[in-house]
């Protein structure tokens, strides 16, 4: 994965707009929190292969992390803390946010075909 270049990422997000796509969204502080502090609150969310059509997407932020939002007919999907992205060999847009130690904190992925488990 490469660091976010906002204009380049925006072009990739725009290329999926107004198409039926599959979205993977995941957030976690994983077991990291409780391993280092037993009083820490462990949180996470996971959605895989949600079939959506978004009218537009937007990347905002500056510096180390960005927020990516996808505008649906009935609301929004967004991920905050994204700092890397790539388009893989299957033309899937993969975005992620990692902490300073390289641990995954957030992932947002967009594909025209379902993600395999």
C-alpha atoms as a PDB file:
ATOM      1  CA  UNK A   1       0.000   0.000   0.000  1.00  0.00           C
ATOM      2  CA  UNK A   2       1.044   3.566  -0.654  1.00  0.00           C
ATOM      3  CA  UNK A   3       0.528   6.734   1.403  1.00  0.00           C
ATOM      4  CA  UNK A   4      -2.579   8.735   0.482  1.00  0.00           C
ATOM      5  CA  UNK A   5      -2.228  11.081  -2.477  1.00  0.00           C
ATOM      6  CA  UNK A   6      -5.610  12.782  -2.240  1.00  0.00           C
ATOM      7  CA  UNK A   7      -6.201  13.560  -5.943  1.00  0.00           C
ATOM      8  CA  UNK A   8      -5.184  10.084  -7.057  1.00  0.00           C
ATOM      9  CA  UNK A   9      -7.379   8.402  -4.427  1.00  0.00           C
ATOM     10  CA  UNK A  10     -10.297  10.677  -5.337  1.00  0.00           C
ATOM     11  CA  UNK A  11     -10.055   9.542  -8.982  1.00  0.00           C
ATOM     12  CA  UNK A  12     -10.259   5.899  -7.942  1.00  0.00           C
ATOM     13  CA  UNK A  13     -13.249   6.560  -5.689  1.00  0.00           C
ATOM     14  CA  UNK A  14     -14.981   8.464  -8.503  1.00  0.00           C
ATOM     15  CA  UNK A  15     -14.458   5.516 -10.875  1.00  0.00           C
ATOM     16  CA  UNK A  16     -16.818   3.361  -8.746  1.00  0.00           C
ATOM     17  CA  UNK A  17     -19.550   6.008  -8.341  1.00  0.00           C
ATOM     18  CA  UNK A  18     -23.024   5.171  -9.680  1.00  0.00           C
ATOM     19  CA  UNK A  19     -22.146   1.488 -10.027  1.00  0.00           C
ATOM     20  CA  UNK A  20     -23.377  -1.407  -7.944  1.00  0.00           C
ATOM     21  CA  UNK A  21     -20.353  -2.280  -5.812  1.00  0.00           C
ATOM     22  CA  UNK A  22     -19.445  -4.368  -2.793  1.00  0.00           C
ATOM     23  CA  UNK A  23     -18.055  -2.644   0.272  1.00  0.00           C
ATOM     24  CA  UNK A  24     -15.953  -4.008   3.084  1.00  0.00           C
ATOM     25  CA  UNK A  25     -15.662  -1.764   6.154  1.00  0.00           C
ATOM     26  CA  UNK A  26     -13.786  -2.740   9.283  1.00  0.00           C
ATOM     27  CA  UNK A  27     -12.674  -0.834  12.345  1.00  0.00           C
ATOM     28  CA  UNK A  28     -10.815  -2.201  15.306  1.00  0.00           C
ATOM     29  CA  UNK A  29      -8.434  -1.432  18.051  1.00  0.00           C
ATOM     30  CA  UNK A  30      -8.316  -5.214  18.228  1.00  0.00           C
ATOM     31  CA  UNK A  31      -6.901  -7.073  21.134  1.00  0.00           C
ATOM     32  CA  UNK A  32      -4.135  -4.445  21.142  1.00  0.00           C
ATOM     33  CA  UNK A  33      -5.978  -2.320  23.676  1.00  0.00           C
ATOM     34  CA  UNK A  34      -6.557  -4.998  26.289  1.00  0.00           C
ATOM     35  CA  UNK A  35      -3.093  -6.541  25.880  1.00  0.00           C
ATOM     36  CA  UNK A  36      -1.448  -3.328  27.030  1.00  0.00           C
ATOM     37  CA  UNK A  37      -4.098  -2.109  29.441  1.00  0.00           C
ATOM     38  CA  UNK A  38      -6.588  -4.518  30.986  1.00  0.00           C
ATOM     39  CA  UNK A  39      -8.970  -1.619  31.670  1.00  0.00           C
ATOM     40  CA  UNK A  40      -8.988  -0.536  28.004  1.00  0.00           C
ATOM     41  CA  UNK A  41     -12.234  -0.824  26.105  1.00  0.00           C
ATOM     42  CA  UNK A  42     -11.967  -3.076  23.052  1.00  0.00           C
ATOM     43  CA  UNK A  43     -14.089  -1.950  20.075  1.00  0.00           C
ATOM     44  CA  UNK A  44     -14.577  -2.987  16.468  1.00  0.00           C
ATOM     45  CA  UNK A  45     -17.024  -3.129  13.569  1.00  0.00           C
ATOM     46  CA  UNK A  46     -17.087  -5.415  10.535  1.00  0.00           C
ATOM     47  CA  UNK A  47     -19.230  -5.348   7.382  1.00  0.00           C
ATOM     48  CA  UNK A  48     -18.331  -7.547   4.413  1.00  0.00           C
ATOM     49  CA  UNK A  49     -19.910  -7.543   0.936  1.00  0.00           C
ATOM     50  CA  UNK A  50     -22.524  -4.877   1.553  1.00  0.00           C
ATOM     51  CA  UNK A  51     -23.937  -4.243  -1.929  1.00  0.00           C
ATOM     52  CA  UNK A  52     -24.402  -0.497  -2.468  1.00  0.00           C
ATOM     53  CA  UNK A  53     -24.497   2.180  -5.124  1.00  0.00           C
ATOM     54  CA  UNK A  54     -23.038   5.508  -4.076  1.00  0.00           C
ATOM     55  CA  UNK A  55     -23.624   8.752  -5.945  1.00  0.00           C
ATOM     56  CA  UNK A  56     -20.338  10.315  -4.975  1.00  0.00           C
ATOM     57  CA  UNK A  57     -17.384   9.755  -2.754  1.00  0.00           C
ATOM     58  CA  UNK A  58     -15.161  12.267  -1.045  1.00  0.00           C
ATOM     59  CA  UNK A  59     -11.702  12.231   0.522  1.00  0.00           C
ATOM     60  CA  UNK A  60     -11.031  14.923   3.115  1.00  0.00           C
ATOM     61  CA  UNK A  61      -8.188  15.642   5.462  1.00  0.00           C
ATOM     62  CA  UNK A  62      -4.596  16.670   5.415  1.00  0.00           C
ATOM     63  CA  UNK A  63      -1.463  15.322   6.919  1.00  0.00           C
ATOM     64  CA  UNK A  64      -1.326  11.860   8.419  1.00  0.00           C
ATOM     65  CA  UNK A  65      -4.921  10.613   8.147  1.00  0.00           C
ATOM     66  CA  UNK A  66      -7.973  11.121   5.974  1.00  0.00           C
ATOM     67  CA  UNK A  67     -11.713  10.489   6.038  1.00  0.00           C
ATOM     68  CA  UNK A  68     -13.351   8.778   3.066  1.00  0.00           C
ATOM     69  CA  UNK A  69     -17.123   9.108   2.700  1.00  0.00           C
ATOM     70  CA  UNK A  70     -19.498   7.462   0.235  1.00  0.00           C
ATOM     71  CA  UNK A  71     -22.865   9.226  -0.270  1.00  0.00           C
ATOM     72  CA  UNK A  72     -25.762   6.779  -0.666  1.00  0.00           C
ATOM     73  CA  UNK A  73     -29.402   7.554  -1.505  1.00  0.00           C
ATOM     74  CA  UNK A  74     -30.310   7.059   2.140  1.00  0.00           C
ATOM     75  CA  UNK A  75     -27.185   8.071   4.037  1.00  0.00           C
ATOM     76  CA  UNK A  76     -23.436   7.735   4.218  1.00  0.00           C
ATOM     77  CA  UNK A  77     -20.702   5.180   4.671  1.00  0.00           C
ATOM     78  CA  UNK A  78     -17.442   6.602   5.946  1.00  0.00           C
ATOM     79  CA  UNK A  79     -14.107   5.567   7.342  1.00  0.00           C
ATOM     80  CA  UNK A  80     -11.898   7.890   9.346  1.00  0.00           C
ATOM     81  CA  UNK A  81      -8.182   7.430   9.922  1.00  0.00           C
ATOM     82  CA  UNK A  82      -7.294   6.115   6.454  1.00  0.00           C
ATOM     83  CA  UNK A  83      -3.629   6.663   5.594  1.00  0.00           C
ATOM     84  CA  UNK A  84      -2.802   4.182   2.787  1.00  0.00           C
ATOM     85  CA  UNK A  85      -4.393   2.795  -0.371  1.00  0.00           C
ATOM     86  CA  UNK A  86      -3.855   0.650  -3.443  1.00  0.00           C
ATOM     87  CA  UNK A  87      -5.730  -0.747  -6.415  1.00  0.00           C
ATOM     88  CA  UNK A  88      -4.989  -4.458  -6.611  1.00  0.00           C
ATOM     89  CA  UNK A  89      -4.750  -6.802  -9.604  1.00  0.00           C
ATOM     90  CA  UNK A  90      -8.534  -7.400  -9.418  1.00  0.00           C
ATOM     91  CA  UNK A  91      -9.228  -3.631  -9.674  1.00  0.00           C
ATOM     92  CA  UNK A  92     -10.400  -3.460  -6.062  1.00  0.00           C
ATOM     93  CA  UNK A  93      -9.792  -0.195  -4.235  1.00  0.00           C
ATOM     94  CA  UNK A  94      -8.237  -1.054  -0.875  1.00  0.00           C
ATOM     95  CA  UNK A  95      -7.846   1.667   1.753  1.00  0.00           C
ATOM     96  CA  UNK A  96      -6.525   1.234   5.275  1.00  0.00           C
ATOM     97  CA  UNK A  97      -5.411   3.116   8.331  1.00  0.00           C
ATOM     98  CA  UNK A  98      -2.569   1.730  10.410  1.00  0.00           C
ATOM     99  CA  UNK A  99      -1.248   3.012  13.701  1.00  0.00           C
ATOM    100  CA  UNK A 100       2.404   3.911  14.360  1.00  0.00           C
ATOM    101  CA  UNK A 101       3.245   0.259  15.021  1.00  0.00           C
ATOM    102  CA  UNK A 102       1.680  -0.844  11.717  1.00  0.00           C
ATOM    103  CA  UNK A 103      -1.451  -2.393  13.237  1.00  0.00           C
ATOM    104  CA  UNK A 104      -4.693  -2.168  11.269  1.00  0.00           C
ATOM    105  CA  UNK A 105      -7.176   0.300  12.757  1.00  0.00           C
ATOM    106  CA  UNK A 106      -9.605   0.835   9.852  1.00  0.00           C
ATOM    107  CA  UNK A 107     -10.178  -0.661   6.392  1.00  0.00           C
ATOM    108  CA  UNK A 108     -12.512   0.438   3.605  1.00  0.00           C
ATOM    109  CA  UNK A 109     -12.533  -1.571   0.400  1.00  0.00           C
ATOM    110  CA  UNK A 110     -14.602  -1.215  -2.779  1.00  0.00           C
ATOM    111  CA  UNK A 111     -15.011  -3.854  -5.488  1.00  0.00           C
ATOM    112  CA  UNK A 112     -17.298  -4.597  -8.439  1.00  0.00           C
ATOM    113  CA  UNK A 113     -17.323  -8.268  -7.387  1.00  0.00           C
ATOM    114  CA  UNK A 114     -17.833  -9.823  -3.943  1.00  0.00           C
ATOM    115  CA  UNK A 115     -14.858 -10.153  -1.629  1.00  0.00           C
ATOM    116  CA  UNK A 116     -13.842 -13.736  -0.933  1.00  0.00           C
ATOM    117  CA  UNK A 117     -13.557 -14.945   2.641  1.00  0.00           C
END
